Amino acid sequence: MAKAAAPKKSVAKKDAYQVDGDKLTRTKPVCPKCGPGVFMATHKDRVSCGNCGYTEFKKN
């Protein structure tokens, strides 16, 4: 019998930014292929783009 998939967590766009006084900074990396506005997901050993699939592995 197949195991049921875990429910997907939705990530709000506001969580990709941090407000410092009157400055707005990005907290997540931006995909170099897709350009500004497409953030990459941060995992334990890599960062990956959900739009195009671009992946960068972290070095230990």
PDB file of N, CA and C in Angstrom:
ATOM      1  N   MET A   1       0.846  -1.171   0.000  1.00  0.00           N
ATOM      2  CA  MET A   1       0.000   0.000   0.000  1.00  0.00           C
ATOM      3  C   MET A   1       0.895   1.239   0.000  1.00  0.00           C
ATOM      4  N   ALA A   2       0.585   2.215  -0.850  1.00  0.00           N
ATOM      5  CA  ALA A   2       1.392   3.436  -0.982  1.00  0.00           C
ATOM      6  C   ALA A   2       1.129   4.379   0.184  1.00  0.00           C
ATOM      7  N   LYS A   3       2.173   5.054   0.574  1.00  0.00           N
ATOM      8  CA  LYS A   3       2.077   6.015   1.658  1.00  0.00           C
ATOM      9  C   LYS A   3       1.495   7.327   1.128  1.00  0.00           C
ATOM     10  N   ALA A   4       0.625   7.966   1.870  1.00  0.00           N
ATOM     11  CA  ALA A   4       0.017   9.227   1.448  1.00  0.00           C
ATOM     12  C   ALA A   4       1.064  10.340   1.478  1.00  0.00           C
ATOM     13  N   ALA A   5       1.004  11.213   0.494  1.00  0.00           N
ATOM     14  CA  ALA A   5       1.943  12.333   0.414  1.00  0.00           C
ATOM     15  C   ALA A   5       1.639  13.346   1.511  1.00  0.00           C
ATOM     16  N   ALA A   6       2.683  13.949   2.029  1.00  0.00           N
ATOM     17  CA  ALA A   6       2.517  14.975   3.051  1.00  0.00           C
ATOM     18  C   ALA A   6       1.890  16.214   2.421  1.00  0.00           C
ATOM     19  N   PRO A   7       1.066  16.936   3.165  1.00  0.00           N
ATOM     20  CA  PRO A   7       0.465  18.146   2.595  1.00  0.00           C
ATOM     21  C   PRO A   7       1.539  19.196   2.304  1.00  0.00           C
ATOM     22  N   LYS A   8       1.381  19.907   1.186  1.00  0.00           N
ATOM     23  CA  LYS A   8       2.366  20.911   0.797  1.00  0.00           C
ATOM     24  C   LYS A   8       2.241  22.138   1.681  1.00  0.00           C
ATOM     25  N   LYS A   9       3.384  22.708   2.047  1.00  0.00           N
ATOM     26  CA  LYS A   9       3.406  23.941   2.826  1.00  0.00           C
ATOM     27  C   LYS A   9       3.468  25.101   1.846  1.00  0.00           C
ATOM     28  N   SER A  10       2.604  26.070   2.004  1.00  0.00           N
ATOM     29  CA  SER A  10       2.677  27.235   1.135  1.00  0.00           C
ATOM     30  C   SER A  10       3.597  28.259   1.793  1.00  0.00           C
ATOM     31  N   VAL A  11       4.451  28.859   0.994  1.00  0.00           N
ATOM     32  CA  VAL A  11       5.401  29.832   1.487  1.00  0.00           C
ATOM     33  C   VAL A  11       4.957  31.201   0.990  1.00  0.00           C
ATOM     34  N   ALA A  12       4.758  32.126   1.909  1.00  0.00           N
ATOM     35  CA  ALA A  12       4.322  33.464   1.546  1.00  0.00           C
ATOM     36  C   ALA A  12       5.480  34.255   0.955  1.00  0.00           C
ATOM     37  N   LYS A  13       5.186  35.090  -0.025  1.00  0.00           N
ATOM     38  CA  LYS A  13       6.201  35.913  -0.681  1.00  0.00           C
ATOM     39  C   LYS A  13       6.850  36.875   0.326  1.00  0.00           C
ATOM     40  N   LYS A  14       6.089  37.279   1.342  1.00  0.00           N
ATOM     41  CA  LYS A  14       6.628  38.212   2.345  1.00  0.00           C
ATOM     42  C   LYS A  14       7.755  37.585   3.163  1.00  0.00           C
ATOM     43  N   ASP A  15       7.827  36.262   3.206  1.00  0.00           N
ATOM     44  CA  ASP A  15       8.876  35.589   3.958  1.00  0.00           C
ATOM     45  C   ASP A  15      10.220  35.612   3.234  1.00  0.00           C
ATOM     46  N   ALA A  16      10.233  36.041   1.973  1.00  0.00           N
ATOM     47  CA  ALA A  16      11.466  36.106   1.194  1.00  0.00           C
ATOM     48  C   ALA A  16      12.182  37.440   1.378  1.00  0.00           C
ATOM     49  N   TYR A  17      11.586  38.352   2.143  1.00  0.00           N
ATOM     50  CA  TYR A  17      12.159  39.679   2.356  1.00  0.00           C
ATOM     51  C   TYR A  17      12.310  39.972   3.842  1.00  0.00           C
ATOM     52  N   GLN A  18      13.205  40.898   4.169  1.00  0.00           N
ATOM     53  CA  GLN A  18      13.395  41.347   5.539  1.00  0.00           C
ATOM     54  C   GLN A  18      13.428  42.865   5.529  1.00  0.00           C
ATOM     55  N   VAL A  19      12.727  43.487   6.465  1.00  0.00           N
ATOM     56  CA  VAL A  19      12.670  44.938   6.542  1.00  0.00           C
ATOM     57  C   VAL A  19      13.646  45.418   7.604  1.00  0.00           C
ATOM     58  N   ASP A  20      14.565  46.301   7.203  1.00  0.00           N
ATOM     59  CA  ASP A  20      15.531  46.910   8.123  1.00  0.00           C
ATOM     60  C   ASP A  20      15.339  48.418   8.058  1.00  0.00           C
ATOM     61  N   GLY A  21      14.521  48.949   8.964  1.00  0.00           N
ATOM     62  CA  GLY A  21      14.233  50.379   8.936  1.00  0.00           C
ATOM     63  C   GLY A  21      13.440  50.715   7.682  1.00  0.00           C
ATOM     64  N   ASP A  22      14.052  51.474   6.780  1.00  0.00           N
ATOM     65  CA  ASP A  22      13.393  51.799   5.513  1.00  0.00           C
ATOM     66  C   ASP A  22      13.983  51.021   4.342  1.00  0.00           C
ATOM     67  N   LYS A  23      14.825  50.018   4.621  1.00  0.00           N
ATOM     68  CA  LYS A  23      15.436  49.185   3.580  1.00  0.00           C
ATOM     69  C   LYS A  23      14.751  47.825   3.518  1.00  0.00           C
ATOM     70  N   LEU A  24      14.652  47.305   2.305  1.00  0.00           N
ATOM     71  CA  LEU A  24      14.079  45.990   2.078  1.00  0.00           C
ATOM     72  C   LEU A  24      15.168  45.108   1.487  1.00  0.00           C
ATOM     73  N   THR A  25      15.480  43.983   2.150  1.00  0.00           N
ATOM     74  CA  THR A  25      16.533  43.090   1.661  1.00  0.00           C
ATOM     75  C   THR A  25      15.954  41.708   1.414  1.00  0.00           C
ATOM     76  N   ARG A  26      16.505  41.026   0.416  1.00  0.00           N
ATOM     77  CA  ARG A  26      16.073  39.663   0.105  1.00  0.00           C
ATOM     78  C   ARG A  26      16.777  38.687   1.039  1.00  0.00           C
ATOM     79  N   THR A  27      16.032  37.699   1.535  1.00  0.00           N
ATOM     80  CA  THR A  27      16.628  36.706   2.425  1.00  0.00           C
ATOM     81  C   THR A  27      16.913  35.399   1.695  1.00  0.00           C
ATOM     82  N   LYS A  28      16.308  35.209   0.530  1.00  0.00           N
ATOM     83  CA  LYS A  28      16.514  33.986  -0.243  1.00  0.00           C
ATOM     84  C   LYS A  28      17.258  34.322  -1.525  1.00  0.00           C
ATOM     85  N   PRO A  29      18.046  33.375  -2.053  1.00  0.00           N
ATOM     86  CA  PRO A  29      18.756  33.635  -3.299  1.00  0.00           C
ATOM     87  C   PRO A  29      17.796  33.689  -4.491  1.00  0.00           C
ATOM     88  N   VAL A  30      18.188  34.444  -5.509  1.00  0.00           N
ATOM     89  CA  VAL A  30      17.395  34.591  -6.735  1.00  0.00           C
ATOM     90  C   VAL A  30      17.969  33.651  -7.793  1.00  0.00           C
ATOM     91  N   CYS A  31      17.112  33.051  -8.601  1.00  0.00           N
ATOM     92  CA  CYS A  31      17.555  32.137  -9.649  1.00  0.00           C
ATOM     93  C   CYS A  31      18.307  32.910 -10.735  1.00  0.00           C
ATOM     94  N   PRO A  32      19.541  32.487 -11.080  1.00  0.00           N
ATOM     95  CA  PRO A  32      20.304  33.193 -12.108  1.00  0.00           C
ATOM     96  C   PRO A  32      19.738  32.985 -13.514  1.00  0.00           C
ATOM     97  N   LYS A  33      19.001  31.916 -13.749  1.00  0.00           N
ATOM     98  CA  LYS A  33      18.409  31.663 -15.069  1.00  0.00           C
ATOM     99  C   LYS A  33      17.093  32.421 -15.251  1.00  0.00           C
ATOM    100  N   CYS A  34      16.236  32.401 -14.240  1.00  0.00           N
ATOM    101  CA  CYS A  34      14.910  33.012 -14.342  1.00  0.00           C
ATOM    102  C   CYS A  34      14.936  34.514 -14.089  1.00  0.00           C
ATOM    103  N   GLY A  35      15.875  34.975 -13.277  1.00  0.00           N
ATOM    104  CA  GLY A  35      16.007  36.402 -13.020  1.00  0.00           C
ATOM    105  C   GLY A  35      15.310  36.857 -11.748  1.00  0.00           C
ATOM    106  N   PRO A  36      15.298  38.168 -11.530  1.00  0.00           N
ATOM    107  CA  PRO A  36      14.695  38.730 -10.315  1.00  0.00           C
ATOM    108  C   PRO A  36      13.215  38.374 -10.208  1.00  0.00           C
ATOM    109  N   GLY A  37      12.784  38.100  -8.993  1.00  0.00           N
ATOM    110  CA  GLY A  37      11.383  37.753  -8.757  1.00  0.00           C
ATOM    111  C   GLY A  37      11.151  36.265  -8.608  1.00  0.00           C
ATOM    112  N   VAL A  38      12.119  35.445  -9.012  1.00  0.00           N
ATOM    113  CA  VAL A  38      11.993  33.989  -8.849  1.00  0.00           C
ATOM    114  C   VAL A  38      13.024  33.565  -7.812  1.00  0.00           C
ATOM    115  N   PHE A  39      12.545  33.222  -6.635  1.00  0.00           N
ATOM    116  CA  PHE A  39      13.425  32.842  -5.550  1.00  0.00           C
ATOM    117  C   PHE A  39      13.715  31.349  -5.582  1.00  0.00           C
ATOM    118  N   MET A  40      14.859  30.984  -5.041  1.00  0.00           N
ATOM    119  CA  MET A  40      15.252  29.575  -4.979  1.00  0.00           C
ATOM    120  C   MET A  40      14.936  29.020  -3.596  1.00  0.00           C
ATOM    121  N   ALA A  41      14.540  27.760  -3.553  1.00  0.00           N
ATOM    122  CA  ALA A  41      14.250  27.091  -2.290  1.00  0.00           C
ATOM    123  C   ALA A  41      15.564  26.683  -1.641  1.00  0.00           C
ATOM    124  N   THR A  42      15.671  26.899  -0.346  1.00  0.00           N
ATOM    125  CA  THR A  42      16.879  26.567   0.396  1.00  0.00           C
ATOM    126  C   THR A  42      16.684  25.235   1.099  1.00  0.00           C
ATOM    127  N   HIS A  43      17.532  24.273   0.770  1.00  0.00           N
ATOM    128  CA  HIS A  43      17.499  22.954   1.392  1.00  0.00           C
ATOM    129  C   HIS A  43      18.772  22.762   2.209  1.00  0.00           C
ATOM    130  N   LYS A  44      18.883  21.625   2.870  1.00  0.00           N
ATOM    131  CA  LYS A  44      20.039  21.335   3.724  1.00  0.00           C
ATOM    132  C   LYS A  44      21.337  21.312   2.926  1.00  0.00           C
ATOM    133  N   ASP A  45      21.327  20.685   1.743  1.00  0.00           N
ATOM    134  CA  ASP A  45      22.555  20.508   0.977  1.00  0.00           C
ATOM    135  C   ASP A  45      22.557  21.213  -0.379  1.00  0.00           C
ATOM    136  N   ARG A  46      21.499  21.982  -0.684  1.00  0.00           N
ATOM    137  CA  ARG A  46      21.417  22.622  -1.996  1.00  0.00           C
ATOM    138  C   ARG A  46      20.410  23.767  -1.978  1.00  0.00           C
ATOM    139  N   VAL A  47      20.430  24.566  -3.035  1.00  0.00           N
ATOM    140  CA  VAL A  47      19.385  25.539  -3.312  1.00  0.00           C
ATOM    141  C   VAL A  47      18.872  25.222  -4.711  1.00  0.00           C
ATOM    142  N   SER A  48      17.559  25.261  -4.895  1.00  0.00           N
ATOM    143  CA  SER A  48      17.011  24.889  -6.180  1.00  0.00           C
ATOM    144  C   SER A  48      15.849  25.797  -6.566  1.00  0.00           C
ATOM    145  N   CYS A  49      15.672  25.960  -7.873  1.00  0.00           N
ATOM    146  CA  CYS A  49      14.599  26.776  -8.424  1.00  0.00           C
ATOM    147  C   CYS A  49      13.416  25.871  -8.734  1.00  0.00           C
ATOM    148  N   GLY A  50      12.255  26.229  -8.245  1.00  0.00           N
ATOM    149  CA  GLY A  50      11.062  25.443  -8.520  1.00  0.00           C
ATOM    150  C   GLY A  50      10.484  25.720  -9.892  1.00  0.00           C
ATOM    151  N   ASN A  51      10.928  26.808 -10.522  1.00  0.00           N
ATOM    152  CA  ASN A  51      10.402  27.179 -11.830  1.00  0.00           C
ATOM    153  C   ASN A  51      11.115  26.434 -12.951  1.00  0.00           C
ATOM    154  N   CYS A  52      12.452  26.491 -12.979  1.00  0.00           N
ATOM    155  CA  CYS A  52      13.209  25.888 -14.087  1.00  0.00           C
ATOM    156  C   CYS A  52      14.000  24.649 -13.680  1.00  0.00           C
ATOM    157  N   GLY A  53      14.168  24.406 -12.370  1.00  0.00           N
ATOM    158  CA  GLY A  53      14.887  23.227 -11.912  1.00  0.00           C
ATOM    159  C   GLY A  53      16.371  23.434 -11.692  1.00  0.00           C
ATOM    160  N   TYR A  54      16.865  24.657 -11.877  1.00  0.00           N
ATOM    161  CA  TYR A  54      18.293  24.955 -11.654  1.00  0.00           C
ATOM    162  C   TYR A  54      18.647  24.654 -10.208  1.00  0.00           C
ATOM    163  N   THR A  55      19.777  23.963  -9.995  1.00  0.00           N
ATOM    164  CA  THR A  55      20.209  23.558  -8.656  1.00  0.00           C
ATOM    165  C   THR A  55      21.684  23.887  -8.441  1.00  0.00           C
ATOM    166  N   GLU A  56      21.984  24.416  -7.271  1.00  0.00           N
ATOM    167  CA  GLU A  56      23.371  24.630  -6.842  1.00  0.00           C
ATOM    168  C   GLU A  56      23.557  23.849  -5.559  1.00  0.00           C
ATOM    169  N   PHE A  57      24.590  23.010  -5.528  1.00  0.00           N
ATOM    170  CA  PHE A  57      24.874  22.233  -4.323  1.00  0.00           C
ATOM    171  C   PHE A  57      25.793  23.009  -3.408  1.00  0.00           C
ATOM    172  N   LYS A  58      25.517  22.943  -2.100  1.00  0.00           N
ATOM    173  CA  LYS A  58      26.352  23.621  -1.117  1.00  0.00           C
ATOM    174  C   LYS A  58      27.595  22.805  -0.856  1.00  0.00           C
ATOM    175  N   LYS A  59      28.704  23.486  -0.657  1.00  0.00           N
ATOM    176  CA  LYS A  59      29.948  22.798  -0.343  1.00  0.00           C
ATOM    177  C   LYS A  59      30.089  22.693   1.164  1.00  0.00           C
ATOM    178  N   ASN A  60      30.532  21.555   1.630  1.00  0.00           N
ATOM    179  CA  ASN A  60      30.671  21.332   3.083  1.00  0.00           C
ATOM    180  C   ASN A  60      31.947  21.857   3.609  1.00  0.00           C
TER     181      ASN A  60
END
